[in-house]
């Protein structure tokens, strides 16, 4: 679902009432635990954390006018989605997350390449998301992006 908003606060106020506290908590958790340098902004109609052009002037290869995305958070029709580009680009990080998830949640992990889907708000593994957010610095993400993702 696409909620047109110019700020994170506006985005959250447009969500269904029962999702507002969950997305707010995830937003706060992500912002608090990401290493220094990532910047929060609206990105692709979602909450986003990016590497700003001041740190990575090349920007995103799909559209260099955009900063390099790292994490996005969105309220979709049937779930809350956390998009983590590092999980997509780093097999070790992916495997770590997949291995840790069952320690926090009894239900099966619903995950795509970079998308982690939370259908039940009450089972979101906040401590695991908190730990995931601290696992990659801006420079590590830039290096990984240039090595594995960026089109040469």
Foldseek 3Di string as FASTA:
>chain_A
DADDDFFPVSLLVPDPPVCSVLVVVLVVLLVVQADPQWDWGQDPRFIFTFRDCVRPVCADQVDSVHGHTAWTWDDDDQWIKIFGVCLLQPVVLVVVLLVCLCVQAVDHFDDDSRITTGRDSVRPRSVSSSVSNNPAHPVRVVVSCVVGPRDD
